[in-house]
């Protein structure tokens, strides 16, 4: 079986047609398309790793330590929906430990990773808070985030097309060639810096 990767639809920040247009790949070149699929996966994973986030929307189940306050800061954002929040010191998370959804407030336009327990507080404990929710960018990935991902893809693609992935060569005065490690484009990193998790 030949090399024919599939796009990781859980994480991909751009689609194959957008990537092909951005790098100027030939529409009828199957090999380039296969390579680009792999680079979409790699670049999207890089964006997640660099920002310490799961950027594309998905369903999540996470556990937090309660601290006696009425606030939980979730790992991923923006919060699209809350399915359930349990507070259980025994960590069985039965129906009797479910917090009524009407008592939970999210702040999508203010602090998009914050849950407030209105009128109550989360018990102090270890992994006693279980949160099931959906978070990340849904429907449309922000255009600047797509741009950053595309620039990373283009970086991978350009170097693979030149058959020296990850390096660049330079001819010096005596005619010899030195090889240096290339860097992810600064313009992409500057965009991704604005998406980094801050806590």
Foldseek 3Di string as FASTA:
>chain_A
DDQADAAPVQQQQDDLVVLCVLLVNDPPDRVLSRLLSVLSNVLSVVLCVLQVERAAKDKDKDFDFFDFAQKDFASADQFPWWDWKFAAQVPPRDPVRTDDPVQWDADCPPRRRMIGRHPGGHDGHGRRIITITIHHDPPHRPPLLVVLSSQSSSLQSVCVVVVHGQWDWDQDDVRDIDIDGDDRDPSSVVSSVVSHDDD
